[in-house]
């Protein structure tokens, strides 16, 4: 597991998520889609007004070509 703050450009070690039931169902659907369809390796879960967003990524350390260099470092080195 890797947690990254895009805003601060740094890794985090813990985070709390507070989701509505609708948001949790949407997240569940996104995760199921990622597991069932290998072409979809990330999704964005946003609030209705798009002021808050969670990006959910599925990664395999042996296949990092779709990620930028900063995210690759995070995945490989956890830094």
C-alpha atoms as a PDB file:
ATOM      1  CA  UNK A   1       0.000   0.000   0.000  1.00  0.00           C
ATOM      2  CA  UNK A   2       1.230   3.458  -0.865  1.00  0.00           C
ATOM      3  CA  UNK A   3      -0.453   6.707   0.185  1.00  0.00           C
ATOM      4  CA  UNK A   4       0.521   9.939  -1.564  1.00  0.00           C
ATOM      5  CA  UNK A   5      -0.518  13.562  -1.154  1.00  0.00           C
ATOM      6  CA  UNK A   6      -0.635  15.199  -4.578  1.00  0.00           C
ATOM      7  CA  UNK A   7      -1.036  18.601  -2.960  1.00  0.00           C
ATOM      8  CA  UNK A   8       2.118  18.285  -0.829  1.00  0.00           C
ATOM      9  CA  UNK A   9       4.028  15.938  -3.161  1.00  0.00           C
ATOM     10  CA  UNK A  10       4.891  13.610  -0.301  1.00  0.00           C
ATOM     11  CA  UNK A  11       4.062  10.146   0.931  1.00  0.00           C
ATOM     12  CA  UNK A  12       1.786   9.612   3.877  1.00  0.00           C
ATOM     13  CA  UNK A  13       1.801   6.698   6.286  1.00  0.00           C
ATOM     14  CA  UNK A  14      -1.803   6.933   7.380  1.00  0.00           C
ATOM     15  CA  UNK A  15      -4.994   8.588   6.300  1.00  0.00           C
ATOM     16  CA  UNK A  16      -8.645   8.541   7.377  1.00  0.00           C
ATOM     17  CA  UNK A  17     -11.447   8.432   4.814  1.00  0.00           C
ATOM     18  CA  UNK A  18     -14.986   9.470   5.606  1.00  0.00           C
ATOM     19  CA  UNK A  19     -17.390   8.314   2.907  1.00  0.00           C
ATOM     20  CA  UNK A  20     -21.145   8.435   2.492  1.00  0.00           C
ATOM     21  CA  UNK A  21     -22.865   5.157   1.656  1.00  0.00           C
ATOM     22  CA  UNK A  22     -23.203   6.282  -1.963  1.00  0.00           C
ATOM     23  CA  UNK A  23     -19.498   7.128  -2.156  1.00  0.00           C
ATOM     24  CA  UNK A  24     -18.586   3.777  -0.571  1.00  0.00           C
ATOM     25  CA  UNK A  25     -20.730   1.952  -3.124  1.00  0.00           C
ATOM     26  CA  UNK A  26     -19.101   3.895  -5.938  1.00  0.00           C
ATOM     27  CA  UNK A  27     -15.640   3.043  -4.555  1.00  0.00           C
ATOM     28  CA  UNK A  28     -16.650  -0.612  -4.309  1.00  0.00           C
ATOM     29  CA  UNK A  29     -17.718  -0.585  -7.953  1.00  0.00           C
ATOM     30  CA  UNK A  30     -14.445   1.029  -9.034  1.00  0.00           C
ATOM     31  CA  UNK A  31     -12.397  -1.562  -7.159  1.00  0.00           C
ATOM     32  CA  UNK A  32     -14.394  -4.418  -8.668  1.00  0.00           C
ATOM     33  CA  UNK A  33     -13.883  -2.903 -12.141  1.00  0.00           C
ATOM     34  CA  UNK A  34     -10.115  -2.631 -11.601  1.00  0.00           C
ATOM     35  CA  UNK A  35      -9.896  -6.239 -10.441  1.00  0.00           C
ATOM     36  CA  UNK A  36     -12.013  -7.516 -13.341  1.00  0.00           C
ATOM     37  CA  UNK A  37     -10.528  -5.346 -16.101  1.00  0.00           C
ATOM     38  CA  UNK A  38      -6.733  -5.115 -16.160  1.00  0.00           C
ATOM     39  CA  UNK A  39      -6.816  -2.130 -18.549  1.00  0.00           C
ATOM     40  CA  UNK A  40      -8.333   0.122 -15.881  1.00  0.00           C
ATOM     41  CA  UNK A  41      -5.593   0.679 -13.308  1.00  0.00           C
ATOM     42  CA  UNK A  42      -6.998   3.826 -11.698  1.00  0.00           C
ATOM     43  CA  UNK A  43     -10.204   5.708 -10.993  1.00  0.00           C
ATOM     44  CA  UNK A  44     -11.144   9.046  -9.487  1.00  0.00           C
ATOM     45  CA  UNK A  45     -13.802   9.194  -6.790  1.00  0.00           C
ATOM     46  CA  UNK A  46     -15.002  12.807  -6.511  1.00  0.00           C
ATOM     47  CA  UNK A  47     -17.568  14.688  -4.502  1.00  0.00           C
ATOM     48  CA  UNK A  48     -20.570  15.989  -6.414  1.00  0.00           C
ATOM     49  CA  UNK A  49     -18.997  19.458  -6.636  1.00  0.00           C
ATOM     50  CA  UNK A  50     -15.534  18.040  -7.590  1.00  0.00           C
ATOM     51  CA  UNK A  51     -13.887  19.902  -4.693  1.00  0.00           C
ATOM     52  CA  UNK A  52     -12.526  16.699  -3.160  1.00  0.00           C
ATOM     53  CA  UNK A  53     -11.113  13.673  -4.931  1.00  0.00           C
ATOM     54  CA  UNK A  54      -9.580  10.304  -4.155  1.00  0.00           C
ATOM     55  CA  UNK A  55      -7.550   8.593  -6.851  1.00  0.00           C
ATOM     56  CA  UNK A  56      -7.527   4.825  -6.484  1.00  0.00           C
ATOM     57  CA  UNK A  57      -4.745   2.932  -8.287  1.00  0.00           C
ATOM     58  CA  UNK A  58      -4.040  -0.738  -8.690  1.00  0.00           C
ATOM     59  CA  UNK A  59      -0.342  -1.446  -9.248  1.00  0.00           C
ATOM     60  CA  UNK A  60       2.077  -4.289  -9.806  1.00  0.00           C
ATOM     61  CA  UNK A  61       5.725  -3.511  -9.099  1.00  0.00           C
ATOM     62  CA  UNK A  62       6.757  -5.388 -12.221  1.00  0.00           C
ATOM     63  CA  UNK A  63       4.548  -3.209 -14.454  1.00  0.00           C
ATOM     64  CA  UNK A  64       5.040   0.480 -13.681  1.00  0.00           C
ATOM     65  CA  UNK A  65       5.183   1.945 -17.196  1.00  0.00           C
ATOM     66  CA  UNK A  66       1.867   3.798 -16.793  1.00  0.00           C
ATOM     67  CA  UNK A  67       3.066   5.838 -13.807  1.00  0.00           C
ATOM     68  CA  UNK A  68       5.138   9.023 -13.714  1.00  0.00           C
ATOM     69  CA  UNK A  69       8.624   9.035 -12.185  1.00  0.00           C
ATOM     70  CA  UNK A  70       7.465  10.437  -8.828  1.00  0.00           C
ATOM     71  CA  UNK A  71       4.864   7.715  -8.390  1.00  0.00           C
ATOM     72  CA  UNK A  72       7.336   5.041  -9.485  1.00  0.00           C
ATOM     73  CA  UNK A  73       9.709   6.176  -6.726  1.00  0.00           C
ATOM     74  CA  UNK A  74       6.860   6.030  -4.237  1.00  0.00           C
ATOM     75  CA  UNK A  75       5.897   2.512  -5.273  1.00  0.00           C
ATOM     76  CA  UNK A  76       9.451   1.143  -5.418  1.00  0.00           C
ATOM     77  CA  UNK A  77      11.076   2.945  -2.481  1.00  0.00           C
ATOM     78  CA  UNK A  78       8.040   4.003  -0.389  1.00  0.00           C
ATOM     79  CA  UNK A  79       9.552   7.520  -0.261  1.00  0.00           C
END
